[in-house]
Amino acid sequence: MSSFADPATLGVPRQAVTYDGVAAAELAERLAVPAVLAFDQVGSTLDVAHRIGPDAASGTLVLADEQTAGRGRQGRRWASAPGAGVWLTLIERPADPRALDVLSLRCGLYAAEALDEVAASRVGVKWPNDLYVGARKLAGILIETRWRGTAPDWVAVGMGLNVLTPAVDTGVGLVSGVTRLAVLERLVPALRRAAAATGHLGRDELARWDTRDIAARRTITAPAAGRAGGISAEGELLVADETGALSRYRTGSLTFAEPPTCC
């Protein structure tokens, strides 16, 4: 099932028997990945990935029904209630270090396209790592890289996707009745394609991003005040000031002057 040591010897919690009624080995076959590690509860699937990552095969998938310490960018906590969403980390070994510059954006774009089929409306993207349906956040992505010298050894693609709002048991942007397995069957292949891509964003990818960009041509207040002007091939956010001059931002969070709507 996998090429790494017994997870129990690495301080990883006991694995669940099934994930939504499907055994891990069967799920790995359905998703065409080398291994699936499924848990009822973990602190974070990213933490598990870091323990098994050095010896894990590219494409190894970590899933949890609940995360007690799920995390997003800049140390933010990601609410990960039992059964309320898809909480995953995918371990990959990208061949091209340049692609790491845009991996979060590429994963977001490919995931948005894959999730359209099960979303209540077209899925939008928000620089640098969020997916939206209408004005509601559907998912967030966090990429963590481990290096061997000056070359990337492996990356952990962490993603939290809201399926239900636990307090009211209603969907968060997905069509009624969509299962987590249906989400995974669309999402995992898309993330794997994104991780296998090389180079910076191509012209076609930039055009596809632009059609889904919920910030495009809207007024923002951060990372700088101005009008969002899309993204560069290197993944930078472009912001136009009052004179139309463009500035580029590689890091930070995007804040709208008005509440977002979708593409």
C-alpha atoms as a PDB file:
ATOM      1  CA  MET A   1       0.000   0.000   0.000  1.00  0.00           C
ATOM      2  CA  SER A   2       2.811   2.437   0.731  1.00  0.00           C
ATOM      3  CA  SER A   3       6.578   2.754   0.638  1.00  0.00           C
ATOM      4  CA  PHE A   4       7.089   4.397   4.018  1.00  0.00           C
ATOM      5  CA  ALA A   5       7.528   2.956   7.480  1.00  0.00           C
ATOM      6  CA  ASP A   6       4.608   1.885   9.629  1.00  0.00           C
ATOM      7  CA  PRO A   7       2.970   5.229  10.554  1.00  0.00           C
ATOM      8  CA  ALA A   8       2.527   4.017  14.127  1.00  0.00           C
ATOM      9  CA  THR A   9       6.319   4.047  14.540  1.00  0.00           C
ATOM     10  CA  LEU A  10       6.386   7.699  13.431  1.00  0.00           C
ATOM     11  CA  GLY A  11       4.035   8.948  16.132  1.00  0.00           C
ATOM     12  CA  VAL A  12       1.049   9.077  13.788  1.00  0.00           C
ATOM     13  CA  PRO A  13      -2.401   8.387  15.333  1.00  0.00           C
ATOM     14  CA  ARG A  14      -4.183   5.102  14.721  1.00  0.00           C
ATOM     15  CA  GLN A  15      -5.778   5.070  11.299  1.00  0.00           C
ATOM     16  CA  ALA A  16      -9.514   4.799  10.737  1.00  0.00           C
ATOM     17  CA  VAL A  17     -10.949   1.585   9.328  1.00  0.00           C
ATOM     18  CA  THR A  18     -12.753   3.471   6.573  1.00  0.00           C
ATOM     19  CA  TYR A  19     -13.329   6.969   5.214  1.00  0.00           C
ATOM     20  CA  ASP A  20     -17.029   7.525   4.586  1.00  0.00           C
ATOM     21  CA  GLY A  21     -17.492   3.771   4.462  1.00  0.00           C
ATOM     22  CA  VAL A  22     -14.654   3.060   2.017  1.00  0.00           C
ATOM     23  CA  ALA A  23     -11.493   1.224   3.068  1.00  0.00           C
ATOM     24  CA  ALA A  24      -8.260   3.159   2.561  1.00  0.00           C
ATOM     25  CA  ALA A  25      -6.853   0.642   0.076  1.00  0.00           C
ATOM     26  CA  GLU A  26     -10.031   0.756  -2.006  1.00  0.00           C
ATOM     27  CA  LEU A  27     -10.067   4.544  -1.883  1.00  0.00           C
ATOM     28  CA  ALA A  28      -6.441   4.674  -3.052  1.00  0.00           C
ATOM     29  CA  GLU A  29      -7.404   2.545  -6.038  1.00  0.00           C
ATOM     30  CA  ARG A  30     -10.432   4.706  -6.843  1.00  0.00           C
ATOM     31  CA  LEU A  31      -8.358   7.878  -6.679  1.00  0.00           C
ATOM     32  CA  ALA A  32      -5.360   6.347  -8.504  1.00  0.00           C
ATOM     33  CA  VAL A  33      -2.901   7.254  -5.738  1.00  0.00           C
ATOM     34  CA  PRO A  34      -0.253   4.978  -4.199  1.00  0.00           C
ATOM     35  CA  ALA A  35      -1.594   5.200  -0.643  1.00  0.00           C
ATOM     36  CA  VAL A  36      -4.334   6.766   1.461  1.00  0.00           C
ATOM     37  CA  LEU A  37      -3.966   7.321   5.200  1.00  0.00           C
ATOM     38  CA  ALA A  38      -7.357   8.074   6.747  1.00  0.00           C
ATOM     39  CA  PHE A  39      -7.959   9.185  10.332  1.00  0.00           C
ATOM     40  CA  ASP A  40     -10.981   9.868  12.483  1.00  0.00           C
ATOM     41  CA  GLN A  41      -9.172  12.741  14.181  1.00  0.00           C
ATOM     42  CA  VAL A  42      -5.757  14.382  13.899  1.00  0.00           C
ATOM     43  CA  GLY A  43      -4.282  17.693  14.894  1.00  0.00           C
ATOM     44  CA  SER A  44      -3.625  18.492  11.238  1.00  0.00           C
ATOM     45  CA  THR A  45      -3.215  16.382   8.111  1.00  0.00           C
ATOM     46  CA  LEU A  46      -0.208  18.586   7.336  1.00  0.00           C
ATOM     47  CA  ASP A  47       1.455  17.451  10.560  1.00  0.00           C
ATOM     48  CA  VAL A  48       0.929  13.811   9.580  1.00  0.00           C
ATOM     49  CA  ALA A  49       2.353  14.531   6.128  1.00  0.00           C
ATOM     50  CA  HIS A  50       5.506  16.002   7.638  1.00  0.00           C
ATOM     51  CA  ARG A  51       6.072  12.842   9.662  1.00  0.00           C
ATOM     52  CA  ILE A  52       5.687  10.448   6.746  1.00  0.00           C
ATOM     53  CA  GLY A  53       6.804  12.755   3.921  1.00  0.00           C
ATOM     54  CA  PRO A  54      10.492  11.861   3.681  1.00  0.00           C
ATOM     55  CA  ASP A  55       9.690   8.260   2.709  1.00  0.00           C
ATOM     56  CA  ALA A  56       6.232   8.651   1.178  1.00  0.00           C
ATOM     57  CA  ALA A  57       5.563   8.013  -2.486  1.00  0.00           C
ATOM     58  CA  SER A  58       4.497  10.948  -4.607  1.00  0.00           C
ATOM     59  CA  GLY A  59       0.715  11.067  -4.544  1.00  0.00           C
ATOM     60  CA  THR A  60       0.280   9.779  -0.987  1.00  0.00           C
ATOM     61  CA  LEU A  61      -2.945  11.223   0.420  1.00  0.00           C
ATOM     62  CA  VAL A  62      -3.707  11.989   4.072  1.00  0.00           C
ATOM     63  CA  LEU A  63      -7.376  12.424   5.044  1.00  0.00           C
ATOM     64  CA  ALA A  64      -9.089  13.200   8.330  1.00  0.00           C
ATOM     65  CA  ASP A  65     -12.713  13.298   9.397  1.00  0.00           C
ATOM     66  CA  GLU A  66     -11.782  15.985  11.916  1.00  0.00           C
ATOM     67  CA  GLN A  67      -8.800  18.244  12.567  1.00  0.00           C
ATOM     68  CA  THR A  68      -8.346  19.726  16.015  1.00  0.00           C
ATOM     69  CA  ALA A  69      -5.566  22.085  14.932  1.00  0.00           C
ATOM     70  CA  GLY A  70      -6.162  22.661  11.231  1.00  0.00           C
ATOM     71  CA  ARG A  71      -4.190  25.616   9.964  1.00  0.00           C
ATOM     72  CA  GLY A  72      -4.194  28.075   7.134  1.00  0.00           C
ATOM     73  CA  ARG A  73      -1.831  30.786   5.951  1.00  0.00           C
ATOM     74  CA  GLN A  74      -0.028  33.024   8.432  1.00  0.00           C
ATOM     75  CA  GLY A  75      -0.856  30.704  11.335  1.00  0.00           C
ATOM     76  CA  ARG A  76      -4.602  31.143  11.074  1.00  0.00           C
ATOM     77  CA  ARG A  77      -6.767  28.343  12.458  1.00  0.00           C
ATOM     78  CA  TRP A  78      -8.999  26.451  10.011  1.00  0.00           C
ATOM     79  CA  ALA A  79     -12.255  25.145  11.527  1.00  0.00           C
ATOM     80  CA  SER A  80     -12.386  21.424  10.702  1.00  0.00           C
ATOM     81  CA  ALA A  81     -15.417  19.897  12.415  1.00  0.00           C
ATOM     82  CA  PRO A  82     -16.206  16.164  12.132  1.00  0.00           C
ATOM     83  CA  GLY A  83     -17.847  15.289   8.820  1.00  0.00           C
ATOM     84  CA  ALA A  84     -18.224  18.937   7.820  1.00  0.00           C
ATOM     85  CA  GLY A  85     -15.638  19.037   5.078  1.00  0.00           C
ATOM     86  CA  VAL A  86     -12.752  17.488   3.200  1.00  0.00           C
ATOM     87  CA  TRP A  87      -9.546  17.923   5.172  1.00  0.00           C
ATOM     88  CA  LEU A  88      -6.585  16.591   3.207  1.00  0.00           C
ATOM     89  CA  THR A  89      -2.891  16.809   2.496  1.00  0.00           C
ATOM     90  CA  LEU A  90      -1.359  15.462  -0.694  1.00  0.00           C
ATOM     91  CA  ILE A  91       2.361  14.665  -0.767  1.00  0.00           C
ATOM     92  CA  GLU A  92       4.054  15.355  -4.103  1.00  0.00           C
ATOM     93  CA  ARG A  93       7.601  15.570  -5.465  1.00  0.00           C
ATOM     94  CA  PRO A  94       7.604  18.300  -8.135  1.00  0.00           C
ATOM     95  CA  ALA A  95      10.246  17.975 -10.820  1.00  0.00           C
ATOM     96  CA  ASP A  96      10.605  21.712 -11.504  1.00  0.00           C
ATOM     97  CA  PRO A  97      11.539  24.070  -8.628  1.00  0.00           C
ATOM     98  CA  ARG A  98      10.206  27.064 -10.605  1.00  0.00           C
ATOM     99  CA  ALA A  99       6.724  25.591 -10.424  1.00  0.00           C
ATOM    100  CA  LEU A 100       6.748  25.975  -6.640  1.00  0.00           C
ATOM    101  CA  ASP A 101       6.410  29.752  -7.092  1.00  0.00           C
ATOM    102  CA  VAL A 102       2.903  29.257  -8.467  1.00  0.00           C
ATOM    103  CA  LEU A 103       1.875  25.906  -7.001  1.00  0.00           C
ATOM    104  CA  SER A 104      -0.746  27.353  -4.659  1.00  0.00           C
ATOM    105  CA  LEU A 105      -2.308  29.375  -7.485  1.00  0.00           C
ATOM    106  CA  ARG A 106      -2.161  26.472  -9.911  1.00  0.00           C
ATOM    107  CA  CYS A 107      -3.743  24.103  -7.383  1.00  0.00           C
ATOM    108  CA  GLY A 108      -6.492  26.642  -6.743  1.00  0.00           C
ATOM    109  CA  LEU A 109      -7.223  27.095 -10.437  1.00  0.00           C
ATOM    110  CA  TYR A 110      -7.277  23.385 -11.260  1.00  0.00           C
ATOM    111  CA  ALA A 111      -9.355  22.613  -8.160  1.00  0.00           C
ATOM    112  CA  ALA A 112     -11.889  25.326  -9.011  1.00  0.00           C
ATOM    113  CA  GLU A 113     -12.333  23.925 -12.500  1.00  0.00           C
ATOM    114  CA  ALA A 114     -12.767  20.394 -11.161  1.00  0.00           C
ATOM    115  CA  LEU A 115     -15.298  21.422  -8.518  1.00  0.00           C
ATOM    116  CA  ASP A 116     -17.622  23.313 -10.865  1.00  0.00           C
ATOM    117  CA  GLU A 117     -19.536  20.085 -11.457  1.00  0.00           C
ATOM    118  CA  VAL A 118     -20.506  19.747  -7.782  1.00  0.00           C
ATOM    119  CA  ALA A 119     -20.749  23.444  -6.869  1.00  0.00           C
ATOM    120  CA  ALA A 120     -23.935  25.460  -6.617  1.00  0.00           C
ATOM    121  CA  SER A 121     -22.437  27.973  -9.056  1.00  0.00           C
ATOM    122  CA  ARG A 122     -19.141  28.664 -10.794  1.00  0.00           C
ATOM    123  CA  VAL A 123     -16.178  28.400  -8.421  1.00  0.00           C
ATOM    124  CA  GLY A 124     -14.076  31.545  -8.147  1.00  0.00           C
ATOM    125  CA  VAL A 125     -10.425  31.966  -7.158  1.00  0.00           C
ATOM    126  CA  LYS A 126      -8.897  34.572  -4.854  1.00  0.00           C
ATOM    127  CA  TRP A 127      -5.177  35.292  -4.725  1.00  0.00           C
ATOM    128  CA  PRO A 128      -3.220  33.621  -3.344  1.00  0.00           C
ATOM    129  CA  ASN A 129      -4.961  30.473  -2.136  1.00  0.00           C
ATOM    130  CA  ASP A 130      -8.745  30.602  -1.685  1.00  0.00           C
ATOM    131  CA  LEU A 131     -11.777  29.267  -3.546  1.00  0.00           C
ATOM    132  CA  TYR A 132     -15.170  30.964  -3.398  1.00  0.00           C
ATOM    133  CA  VAL A 133     -18.722  30.220  -4.460  1.00  0.00           C
ATOM    134  CA  GLY A 134     -20.527  33.526  -4.621  1.00  0.00           C
ATOM    135  CA  ALA A 135     -19.475  35.512  -1.567  1.00  0.00           C
ATOM    136  CA  ARG A 136     -18.786  32.417   0.535  1.00  0.00           C
ATOM    137  CA  LYS A 137     -15.383  30.845   1.029  1.00  0.00           C
ATOM    138  CA  LEU A 138     -15.409  27.246  -0.134  1.00  0.00           C
ATOM    139  CA  ALA A 139     -11.799  26.184   0.389  1.00  0.00           C
ATOM    140  CA  GLY A 140      -8.276  27.236   1.244  1.00  0.00           C
ATOM    141  CA  ILE A 141      -4.904  25.839   0.216  1.00  0.00           C
ATOM    142  CA  LEU A 142      -1.614  25.791   2.109  1.00  0.00           C
ATOM    143  CA  ILE A 143       1.639  24.618   0.519  1.00  0.00           C
ATOM    144  CA  GLU A 144       4.609  23.588   2.657  1.00  0.00           C
ATOM    145  CA  THR A 145       7.916  22.554   1.073  1.00  0.00           C
ATOM    146  CA  ARG A 146      10.785  20.491   2.433  1.00  0.00           C
ATOM    147  CA  TRP A 147      14.166  20.942   0.782  1.00  0.00           C
ATOM    148  CA  ARG A 148      17.200  18.734   0.267  1.00  0.00           C
ATOM    149  CA  GLY A 149      20.034  21.197  -0.105  1.00  0.00           C
ATOM    150  CA  THR A 150      18.976  23.703  -2.753  1.00  0.00           C
ATOM    151  CA  ALA A 151      16.401  21.423  -4.383  1.00  0.00           C
ATOM    152  CA  PRO A 152      12.864  20.660  -3.208  1.00  0.00           C
ATOM    153  CA  ASP A 153      12.553  17.129  -1.835  1.00  0.00           C
ATOM    154  CA  TRP A 154       8.775  17.016  -1.426  1.00  0.00           C
ATOM    155  CA  VAL A 155       5.811  19.299  -0.918  1.00  0.00           C
ATOM    156  CA  ALA A 156       2.681  18.984   1.185  1.00  0.00           C
ATOM    157  CA  VAL A 157      -0.420  20.355  -0.519  1.00  0.00           C
ATOM    158  CA  GLY A 158      -2.860  20.981   2.307  1.00  0.00           C
ATOM    159  CA  MET A 159      -6.480  21.785   1.548  1.00  0.00           C
ATOM    160  CA  GLY A 160      -9.563  22.367   3.649  1.00  0.00           C
ATOM    161  CA  LEU A 161     -12.870  22.377   1.805  1.00  0.00           C
ATOM    162  CA  ASN A 162     -16.143  23.185   3.533  1.00  0.00           C
ATOM    163  CA  VAL A 163     -18.961  20.803   2.645  1.00  0.00           C
ATOM    164  CA  LEU A 164     -21.419  21.610   5.449  1.00  0.00           C
ATOM    165  CA  THR A 165     -21.932  24.335   8.007  1.00  0.00           C
ATOM    166  CA  PRO A 166     -22.263  22.111  11.095  1.00  0.00           C
ATOM    167  CA  ALA A 167     -24.486  24.464  13.097  1.00  0.00           C
ATOM    168  CA  VAL A 168     -27.215  24.504  10.466  1.00  0.00           C
ATOM    169  CA  ASP A 169     -26.329  21.413   8.374  1.00  0.00           C
ATOM    170  CA  THR A 170     -26.427  23.320   5.115  1.00  0.00           C
ATOM    171  CA  GLY A 171     -24.077  23.310   2.188  1.00  0.00           C
ATOM    172  CA  VAL A 172     -21.305  25.852   1.798  1.00  0.00           C
ATOM    173  CA  GLY A 173     -21.327  26.351  -1.934  1.00  0.00           C
ATOM    174  CA  LEU A 174     -21.835  22.753  -3.073  1.00  0.00           C
ATOM    175  CA  VAL A 175     -25.015  21.286  -4.521  1.00  0.00           C
ATOM    176  CA  SER A 176     -27.292  19.480  -2.090  1.00  0.00           C
ATOM    177  CA  GLY A 177     -26.392  15.879  -1.375  1.00  0.00           C
ATOM    178  CA  VAL A 178     -22.817  15.971  -2.642  1.00  0.00           C
ATOM    179  CA  THR A 179     -20.658  13.502  -0.736  1.00  0.00           C
ATOM    180  CA  ARG A 180     -17.076  13.926   0.336  1.00  0.00           C
ATOM    181  CA  LEU A 181     -16.137  10.982  -1.866  1.00  0.00           C
ATOM    182  CA  ALA A 182     -17.615  12.734  -4.902  1.00  0.00           C
ATOM    183  CA  VAL A 183     -15.540  15.793  -4.029  1.00  0.00           C
ATOM    184  CA  LEU A 184     -12.364  13.734  -3.657  1.00  0.00           C
ATOM    185  CA  GLU A 185     -12.893  11.965  -6.975  1.00  0.00           C
ATOM    186  CA  ARG A 186     -12.791  15.344  -8.707  1.00  0.00           C
ATOM    187  CA  LEU A 187     -10.368  17.180  -6.475  1.00  0.00           C
ATOM    188  CA  VAL A 188      -7.452  14.771  -6.073  1.00  0.00           C
ATOM    189  CA  PRO A 189      -6.759  14.242  -9.809  1.00  0.00           C
ATOM    190  CA  ALA A 190      -6.898  18.016 -10.308  1.00  0.00           C
ATOM    191  CA  LEU A 191      -4.379  18.661  -7.539  1.00  0.00           C
ATOM    192  CA  ARG A 192      -2.096  15.974  -8.945  1.00  0.00           C
ATOM    193  CA  ARG A 193      -2.187  17.567 -12.401  1.00  0.00           C
ATOM    194  CA  ALA A 194      -1.343  20.928 -10.864  1.00  0.00           C
ATOM    195  CA  ALA A 195       1.580  19.463  -8.918  1.00  0.00           C
ATOM    196  CA  ALA A 196       2.937  17.755 -12.042  1.00  0.00           C
ATOM    197  CA  ALA A 197       2.907  20.929 -14.146  1.00  0.00           C
ATOM    198  CA  THR A 198       6.210  22.653 -14.848  1.00  0.00           C
ATOM    199  CA  GLY A 199       7.317  26.256 -15.094  1.00  0.00           C
ATOM    200  CA  HIS A 200       5.432  29.380 -14.217  1.00  0.00           C
ATOM    201  CA  LEU A 201       1.845  29.975 -15.273  1.00  0.00           C
ATOM    202  CA  GLY A 202       1.291  29.792 -19.006  1.00  0.00           C
ATOM    203  CA  ARG A 203      -0.803  32.124 -21.123  1.00  0.00           C
ATOM    204  CA  ASP A 204      -3.727  29.706 -21.129  1.00  0.00           C
ATOM    205  CA  GLU A 205      -3.595  29.282 -17.345  1.00  0.00           C
ATOM    206  CA  LEU A 206      -3.534  33.052 -16.845  1.00  0.00           C
ATOM    207  CA  ALA A 207      -6.575  33.425 -19.097  1.00  0.00           C
ATOM    208  CA  ARG A 208      -8.421  30.714 -17.199  1.00  0.00           C
ATOM    209  CA  TRP A 209      -7.519  32.354 -13.891  1.00  0.00           C
ATOM    210  CA  ASP A 210      -8.812  35.701 -15.110  1.00  0.00           C
ATOM    211  CA  THR A 211     -12.270  34.282 -15.853  1.00  0.00           C
ATOM    212  CA  ARG A 212     -12.560  33.073 -12.240  1.00  0.00           C
ATOM    213  CA  ASP A 213     -10.717  35.842 -10.396  1.00  0.00           C
ATOM    214  CA  ILE A 214     -13.152  37.336  -7.866  1.00  0.00           C
ATOM    215  CA  ALA A 215     -10.791  40.275  -7.314  1.00  0.00           C
ATOM    216  CA  ALA A 216     -10.343  41.242 -10.967  1.00  0.00           C
ATOM    217  CA  ARG A 217     -10.770  44.979 -11.494  1.00  0.00           C
ATOM    218  CA  ARG A 218     -12.164  45.421  -7.981  1.00  0.00           C
ATOM    219  CA  THR A 219     -10.995  47.931  -5.398  1.00  0.00           C
ATOM    220  CA  ILE A 220      -8.848  46.465  -2.631  1.00  0.00           C
ATOM    221  CA  THR A 221      -7.220  47.805   0.513  1.00  0.00           C
ATOM    222  CA  ALA A 222      -4.461  45.198   0.987  1.00  0.00           C
ATOM    223  CA  PRO A 223      -1.742  44.256   0.311  1.00  0.00           C
ATOM    224  CA  ALA A 224      -1.979  47.792  -1.103  1.00  0.00           C
ATOM    225  CA  ALA A 225      -4.783  50.219  -1.855  1.00  0.00           C
ATOM    226  CA  GLY A 226      -5.792  50.224  -5.492  1.00  0.00           C
ATOM    227  CA  ARG A 227      -7.532  48.158  -8.127  1.00  0.00           C
ATOM    228  CA  ALA A 228      -6.666  44.484  -8.570  1.00  0.00           C
ATOM    229  CA  GLY A 229      -5.227  43.880 -12.012  1.00  0.00           C
ATOM    230  CA  GLY A 230      -4.896  40.104 -12.104  1.00  0.00           C
ATOM    231  CA  ILE A 231      -1.756  38.060 -11.573  1.00  0.00           C
ATOM    232  CA  SER A 232       1.586  37.659 -13.308  1.00  0.00           C
ATOM    233  CA  ALA A 233       3.025  34.445 -14.716  1.00  0.00           C
ATOM    234  CA  GLU A 234       5.201  34.294 -11.589  1.00  0.00           C
ATOM    235  CA  GLY A 235       2.120  34.384  -9.345  1.00  0.00           C
ATOM    236  CA  GLU A 236       2.414  37.998  -8.231  1.00  0.00           C
ATOM    237  CA  LEU A 237      -0.706  40.039  -7.529  1.00  0.00           C
ATOM    238  CA  LEU A 238      -0.891  43.114  -9.778  1.00  0.00           C
ATOM    239  CA  VAL A 239      -2.354  46.255  -8.212  1.00  0.00           C
ATOM    240  CA  ALA A 240      -3.012  49.496 -10.108  1.00  0.00           C
ATOM    241  CA  ASP A 241      -2.881  52.798  -8.228  1.00  0.00           C
ATOM    242  CA  GLU A 242      -4.947  55.893  -9.073  1.00  0.00           C
ATOM    243  CA  THR A 243      -2.619  56.731 -11.968  1.00  0.00           C
ATOM    244  CA  GLY A 244      -2.856  53.235 -13.444  1.00  0.00           C
ATOM    245  CA  ALA A 245       0.712  52.317 -12.507  1.00  0.00           C
ATOM    246  CA  LEU A 246       1.051  48.643 -11.606  1.00  0.00           C
ATOM    247  CA  SER A 247       2.827  47.269  -8.553  1.00  0.00           C
ATOM    248  CA  ARG A 248       3.553  43.588  -7.946  1.00  0.00           C
ATOM    249  CA  TYR A 249       3.083  41.708  -4.689  1.00  0.00           C
ATOM    250  CA  ARG A 250       4.415  38.219  -4.081  1.00  0.00           C
ATOM    251  CA  THR A 251       3.181  37.777  -0.509  1.00  0.00           C
ATOM    252  CA  GLY A 252       0.397  39.037   1.700  1.00  0.00           C
ATOM    253  CA  SER A 253      -3.369  38.759   1.923  1.00  0.00           C
ATOM    254  CA  LEU A 254      -5.900  40.389  -0.364  1.00  0.00           C
ATOM    255  CA  THR A 255      -8.599  42.486   1.314  1.00  0.00           C
ATOM    256  CA  PHE A 256     -11.584  43.919  -0.541  1.00  0.00           C
ATOM    257  CA  ALA A 257     -12.911  47.430  -0.073  1.00  0.00           C
ATOM    258  CA  GLU A 258     -16.393  45.908  -0.550  1.00  0.00           C
ATOM    259  CA  PRO A 259     -17.593  42.329   0.133  1.00  0.00           C
ATOM    260  CA  PRO A 260     -16.588  39.924  -2.656  1.00  0.00           C
ATOM    261  CA  THR A 261     -18.882  38.397  -5.222  1.00  0.00           C
ATOM    262  CA  CYS A 262     -17.990  35.589  -7.548  1.00  0.00           C
ATOM    263  CA  CYS A 263     -16.753  35.682 -11.096  1.00  0.00           C
END
